[in-house]
Amino acid sequence: MVMTREVDTDLRYQTQANRHDPANGIYGDCARTAIACMLEVPRDDVPHFYEFDGDPDFYKKMDAWLRDHGLARVSMAFNGDDGLNSVLSCIGHLNPGLRFLLVGASKTGVNHVVICQDGKIDHDPSITQSGIVGPCEPDGFYWMEFFTPTRFVDGKENRRADIGGD
């Protein structure tokens, strides 16, 4: 049974506006929705960074917006061979209470972003609850991302390559 939450009462649990459907010119906005949930702001206050498949500026646009809001993105890759439960368990054990983004492949066959905490997926912003079923394509990694104040960053760009999204 999937539990739903009222968006109006808790901004930590919002649903994306666009399901990824590039054949019809619609690009999923799970990334901006997950960021909005993490920051507890309305989804539409965060730009839709992923404007087309293979957008080479996706991360640059996201990082610039976060920087304008006093934040920097921290990314860590986990080998997909380790399995989703192992990755979640490890991060949850070492970082209790930390909310973070996890990027992996969804059951719809595209890369997707969910919010995790304490060794489990806490919220899937997908319209279809597509979840995470494996590592990202094509790199084979699960990506953990969280935010830190920009004062802890020396101004260098985050080097993670664009991998697409749901």
C-alpha atoms as a PDB file:
ATOM      1  CA  MET A   1       0.000   0.000   0.000  1.00  0.00           C
ATOM      2  CA  VAL A   2       1.385   3.402  -0.990  1.00  0.00           C
ATOM      3  CA  MET A   3       0.829   6.177   1.512  1.00  0.00           C
ATOM      4  CA  THR A   4       0.128   9.649   0.144  1.00  0.00           C
ATOM      5  CA  ARG A   5       0.734  12.893   1.952  1.00  0.00           C
ATOM      6  CA  GLU A   6      -0.909  16.276   1.588  1.00  0.00           C
ATOM      7  CA  VAL A   7       1.420  18.566  -0.381  1.00  0.00           C
ATOM      8  CA  ASP A   8      -0.144  21.682   1.163  1.00  0.00           C
ATOM      9  CA  THR A   9       0.631  20.580   4.713  1.00  0.00           C
ATOM     10  CA  ASP A  10       4.159  19.247   4.308  1.00  0.00           C
ATOM     11  CA  LEU A  11       6.488  20.603   1.645  1.00  0.00           C
ATOM     12  CA  ARG A  12       8.897  17.698   2.301  1.00  0.00           C
ATOM     13  CA  TYR A  13       6.555  15.409   0.332  1.00  0.00           C
ATOM     14  CA  GLN A  14       5.648  16.915  -3.043  1.00  0.00           C
ATOM     15  CA  THR A  15       4.956  15.220  -6.377  1.00  0.00           C
ATOM     16  CA  GLN A  16       6.604  16.141  -9.647  1.00  0.00           C
ATOM     17  CA  ALA A  17       4.547  17.993 -12.266  1.00  0.00           C
ATOM     18  CA  ASN A  18       5.988  16.283 -15.352  1.00  0.00           C
ATOM     19  CA  ARG A  19       6.415  12.581 -16.038  1.00  0.00           C
ATOM     20  CA  HIS A  20       9.401  11.973 -18.325  1.00  0.00           C
ATOM     21  CA  ASP A  21       7.979  11.600 -21.859  1.00  0.00           C
ATOM     22  CA  PRO A  22      10.567  12.947 -24.308  1.00  0.00           C
ATOM     23  CA  ALA A  23       8.690  11.598 -27.346  1.00  0.00           C
ATOM     24  CA  ASN A  24       6.059  14.231 -26.579  1.00  0.00           C
ATOM     25  CA  GLY A  25       8.528  16.959 -25.591  1.00  0.00           C
ATOM     26  CA  ILE A  26       7.951  16.537 -21.843  1.00  0.00           C
ATOM     27  CA  TYR A  27      10.946  16.115 -19.559  1.00  0.00           C
ATOM     28  CA  GLY A  28      10.576  14.815 -16.024  1.00  0.00           C
ATOM     29  CA  ASP A  29      11.105  17.210 -13.147  1.00  0.00           C
ATOM     30  CA  CYS A  30      11.940  14.788 -10.348  1.00  0.00           C
ATOM     31  CA  ALA A  31      15.235  16.607  -9.683  1.00  0.00           C
ATOM     32  CA  ARG A  32      13.662  20.000  -9.046  1.00  0.00           C
ATOM     33  CA  THR A  33      10.833  18.402  -7.067  1.00  0.00           C
ATOM     34  CA  ALA A  34      13.275  16.486  -4.871  1.00  0.00           C
ATOM     35  CA  ILE A  35      15.290  19.669  -4.294  1.00  0.00           C
ATOM     36  CA  ALA A  36      12.101  21.532  -3.364  1.00  0.00           C
ATOM     37  CA  CYS A  37      11.219  18.776  -0.893  1.00  0.00           C
ATOM     38  CA  MET A  38      14.691  18.908   0.645  1.00  0.00           C
ATOM     39  CA  LEU A  39      14.534  22.696   1.015  1.00  0.00           C
ATOM     40  CA  GLU A  40      10.839  22.676   1.999  1.00  0.00           C
ATOM     41  CA  VAL A  41       9.838  25.185  -0.653  1.00  0.00           C
ATOM     42  CA  PRO A  42       7.057  24.866  -3.248  1.00  0.00           C
ATOM     43  CA  ARG A  43       8.133  22.789  -6.266  1.00  0.00           C
ATOM     44  CA  ASP A  44       7.358  25.580  -8.710  1.00  0.00           C
ATOM     45  CA  ASP A  45       9.777  27.893  -6.865  1.00  0.00           C
ATOM     46  CA  VAL A  46      12.625  25.687  -8.116  1.00  0.00           C
ATOM     47  CA  PRO A  47      13.410  25.904 -11.860  1.00  0.00           C
ATOM     48  CA  HIS A  48      13.003  22.868 -14.101  1.00  0.00           C
ATOM     49  CA  PHE A  49      16.704  22.344 -14.843  1.00  0.00           C
ATOM     50  CA  TYR A  50      16.300  19.365 -17.200  1.00  0.00           C
ATOM     51  CA  GLU A  51      14.921  20.966 -20.355  1.00  0.00           C
ATOM     52  CA  PHE A  52      15.815  18.268 -22.896  1.00  0.00           C
ATOM     53  CA  ASP A  53      17.436  14.820 -23.050  1.00  0.00           C
ATOM     54  CA  GLY A  54      21.193  14.999 -22.719  1.00  0.00           C
ATOM     55  CA  ASP A  55      21.115  18.642 -21.616  1.00  0.00           C
ATOM     56  CA  PRO A  56      24.840  19.308 -21.066  1.00  0.00           C
ATOM     57  CA  ASP A  57      24.079  22.277 -18.792  1.00  0.00           C
ATOM     58  CA  PHE A  58      21.706  20.430 -16.431  1.00  0.00           C
ATOM     59  CA  TYR A  59      24.111  20.288 -13.491  1.00  0.00           C
ATOM     60  CA  LYS A  60      25.590  23.730 -14.184  1.00  0.00           C
ATOM     61  CA  LYS A  61      22.087  25.262 -14.033  1.00  0.00           C
ATOM     62  CA  MET A  62      21.207  23.330 -10.878  1.00  0.00           C
ATOM     63  CA  ASP A  63      24.480  24.204  -9.158  1.00  0.00           C
ATOM     64  CA  ALA A  64      24.122  27.896 -10.088  1.00  0.00           C
ATOM     65  CA  TRP A  65      20.592  28.006  -8.647  1.00  0.00           C
ATOM     66  CA  LEU A  66      21.713  26.264  -5.456  1.00  0.00           C
ATOM     67  CA  ARG A  67      24.703  28.633  -5.172  1.00  0.00           C
ATOM     68  CA  ASP A  68      22.317  31.606  -5.502  1.00  0.00           C
ATOM     69  CA  HIS A  69      20.507  30.124  -2.481  1.00  0.00           C
ATOM     70  CA  GLY A  70      23.680  29.678  -0.422  1.00  0.00           C
ATOM     71  CA  LEU A  71      24.092  25.948  -1.089  1.00  0.00           C
ATOM     72  CA  ALA A  72      26.502  23.641  -2.876  1.00  0.00           C
ATOM     73  CA  ARG A  73      25.740  20.104  -4.038  1.00  0.00           C
ATOM     74  CA  VAL A  74      27.921  17.258  -2.760  1.00  0.00           C
ATOM     75  CA  SER A  75      27.864  14.057  -4.872  1.00  0.00           C
ATOM     76  CA  MET A  76      29.147  10.577  -4.074  1.00  0.00           C
ATOM     77  CA  ALA A  77      29.041   7.531  -6.332  1.00  0.00           C
ATOM     78  CA  PHE A  78      28.361   3.997  -5.088  1.00  0.00           C
ATOM     79  CA  ASN A  79      29.080   0.940  -7.206  1.00  0.00           C
ATOM     80  CA  GLY A  80      25.823  -0.464  -8.579  1.00  0.00           C
ATOM     81  CA  ASP A  81      27.081  -4.004  -7.905  1.00  0.00           C
ATOM     82  CA  ASP A  82      26.743  -3.279  -4.174  1.00  0.00           C
ATOM     83  CA  GLY A  83      22.948  -3.197  -4.494  1.00  0.00           C
ATOM     84  CA  LEU A  84      20.414  -0.608  -3.416  1.00  0.00           C
ATOM     85  CA  ASN A  85      19.766  -2.021   0.062  1.00  0.00           C
ATOM     86  CA  SER A  86      23.476  -2.122   0.854  1.00  0.00           C
ATOM     87  CA  VAL A  87      23.945   1.504  -0.237  1.00  0.00           C
ATOM     88  CA  LEU A  88      20.924   2.705   1.756  1.00  0.00           C
ATOM     89  CA  SER A  89      21.939   0.695   4.820  1.00  0.00           C
ATOM     90  CA  CYS A  90      25.513   2.005   4.751  1.00  0.00           C
ATOM     91  CA  ILE A  91      24.528   5.657   4.371  1.00  0.00           C
ATOM     92  CA  GLY A  92      21.755   5.332   6.959  1.00  0.00           C
ATOM     93  CA  HIS A  93      24.054   3.692   9.499  1.00  0.00           C
ATOM     94  CA  LEU A  94      26.880   6.198   9.082  1.00  0.00           C
ATOM     95  CA  ASN A  95      24.641   9.287   8.815  1.00  0.00           C
ATOM     96  CA  PRO A  96      21.523   8.806  10.962  1.00  0.00           C
ATOM     97  CA  GLY A  97      18.884  11.443  10.368  1.00  0.00           C
ATOM     98  CA  LEU A  98      20.559  12.830   7.215  1.00  0.00           C
ATOM     99  CA  ARG A  99      18.107  13.433   4.374  1.00  0.00           C
ATOM    100  CA  PHE A 100      19.752  13.066   0.984  1.00  0.00           C
ATOM    101  CA  LEU A 101      18.948  12.596  -2.676  1.00  0.00           C
ATOM    102  CA  LEU A 102      19.560   9.249  -4.323  1.00  0.00           C
ATOM    103  CA  VAL A 103      19.756   8.925  -8.093  1.00  0.00           C
ATOM    104  CA  GLY A 104      19.309   5.572  -9.789  1.00  0.00           C
ATOM    105  CA  ALA A 105      17.321   3.816 -12.488  1.00  0.00           C
ATOM    106  CA  SER A 106      13.551   3.721 -11.997  1.00  0.00           C
ATOM    107  CA  LYS A 107      11.116   0.977 -12.931  1.00  0.00           C
ATOM    108  CA  THR A 108      10.118   3.132 -15.925  1.00  0.00           C
ATOM    109  CA  GLY A 109      13.634   2.665 -17.344  1.00  0.00           C
ATOM    110  CA  VAL A 110      15.013   6.172 -16.858  1.00  0.00           C
ATOM    111  CA  ASN A 111      17.210   7.723 -14.195  1.00  0.00           C
ATOM    112  CA  HIS A 112      15.243   9.153 -11.292  1.00  0.00           C
ATOM    113  CA  VAL A 113      15.750  11.058  -8.026  1.00  0.00           C
ATOM    114  CA  VAL A 114      14.234  10.067  -4.658  1.00  0.00           C
ATOM    115  CA  ILE A 115      14.737  11.308  -1.107  1.00  0.00           C
ATOM    116  CA  CYS A 116      16.215   8.943   1.472  1.00  0.00           C
ATOM    117  CA  GLN A 117      16.756   8.955   5.215  1.00  0.00           C
ATOM    118  CA  ASP A 118      17.738   6.395   7.844  1.00  0.00           C
ATOM    119  CA  GLY A 119      18.435   3.523   5.452  1.00  0.00           C
ATOM    120  CA  LYS A 120      15.284   3.769   3.350  1.00  0.00           C
ATOM    121  CA  ILE A 121      13.606   5.727   0.593  1.00  0.00           C
ATOM    122  CA  ASP A 122      11.577   8.290   2.500  1.00  0.00           C
ATOM    123  CA  HIS A 123       9.832   9.887  -0.475  1.00  0.00           C
ATOM    124  CA  ASP A 124       9.475   9.231  -4.191  1.00  0.00           C
ATOM    125  CA  PRO A 125       8.348  12.413  -5.970  1.00  0.00           C
ATOM    126  CA  SER A 126       7.268  10.423  -9.046  1.00  0.00           C
ATOM    127  CA  ILE A 127       3.700  10.661 -10.290  1.00  0.00           C
ATOM    128  CA  THR A 128       3.788   6.875 -10.802  1.00  0.00           C
ATOM    129  CA  GLN A 129       5.880   5.930  -7.741  1.00  0.00           C
ATOM    130  CA  SER A 130       8.551   4.603 -10.116  1.00  0.00           C
ATOM    131  CA  GLY A 131      11.113   4.278  -7.331  1.00  0.00           C
ATOM    132  CA  ILE A 132      14.699   3.178  -7.718  1.00  0.00           C
ATOM    133  CA  VAL A 133      15.268  -0.379  -8.940  1.00  0.00           C
ATOM    134  CA  GLY A 134      18.916  -0.270  -9.969  1.00  0.00           C
ATOM    135  CA  PRO A 135      21.938   1.924 -10.593  1.00  0.00           C
ATOM    136  CA  CYS A 136      21.983   4.793 -13.090  1.00  0.00           C
ATOM    137  CA  GLU A 137      22.376   4.191 -16.772  1.00  0.00           C
ATOM    138  CA  PRO A 138      24.796   4.292 -18.401  1.00  0.00           C
ATOM    139  CA  ASP A 139      27.416   4.652 -15.635  1.00  0.00           C
ATOM    140  CA  GLY A 140      26.271   1.838 -13.307  1.00  0.00           C
ATOM    141  CA  PHE A 141      26.438   3.923 -10.113  1.00  0.00           C
ATOM    142  CA  TYR A 142      23.973   5.000  -7.466  1.00  0.00           C
ATOM    143  CA  TRP A 143      24.524   8.685  -6.772  1.00  0.00           C
ATOM    144  CA  MET A 144      24.050  10.151  -3.309  1.00  0.00           C
ATOM    145  CA  GLU A 145      23.682  13.915  -3.206  1.00  0.00           C
ATOM    146  CA  PHE A 146      23.232  16.336  -0.351  1.00  0.00           C
ATOM    147  CA  PHE A 147      23.678  20.049   0.156  1.00  0.00           C
ATOM    148  CA  THR A 148      26.151  22.062   2.184  1.00  0.00           C
ATOM    149  CA  PRO A 149      26.483  25.807   2.738  1.00  0.00           C
ATOM    150  CA  THR A 150      28.589  27.455   0.037  1.00  0.00           C
ATOM    151  CA  ARG A 151      30.985  28.814   2.670  1.00  0.00           C
ATOM    152  CA  PHE A 152      32.416  25.276   2.870  1.00  0.00           C
ATOM    153  CA  VAL A 153      33.205  25.178  -0.861  1.00  0.00           C
ATOM    154  CA  ASP A 154      36.121  26.913  -2.571  1.00  0.00           C
ATOM    155  CA  GLY A 155      34.153  27.870  -5.685  1.00  0.00           C
ATOM    156  CA  LYS A 156      35.130  24.975  -7.928  1.00  0.00           C
ATOM    157  CA  GLU A 157      32.397  23.343 -10.015  1.00  0.00           C
ATOM    158  CA  ASN A 158      30.936  19.957  -9.152  1.00  0.00           C
ATOM    159  CA  ARG A 159      32.357  17.567 -11.779  1.00  0.00           C
ATOM    160  CA  ARG A 160      29.550  14.997 -11.996  1.00  0.00           C
ATOM    161  CA  ALA A 161      28.503  14.331 -15.602  1.00  0.00           C
ATOM    162  CA  ASP A 162      24.886  14.560 -16.713  1.00  0.00           C
ATOM    163  CA  ILE A 163      23.096  11.194 -16.650  1.00  0.00           C
ATOM    164  CA  GLY A 164      19.506  12.127 -17.564  1.00  0.00           C
ATOM    165  CA  GLY A 165      16.362  11.926 -15.470  1.00  0.00           C
ATOM    166  CA  ASP A 166      12.779  10.861 -14.950  1.00  0.00           C
END
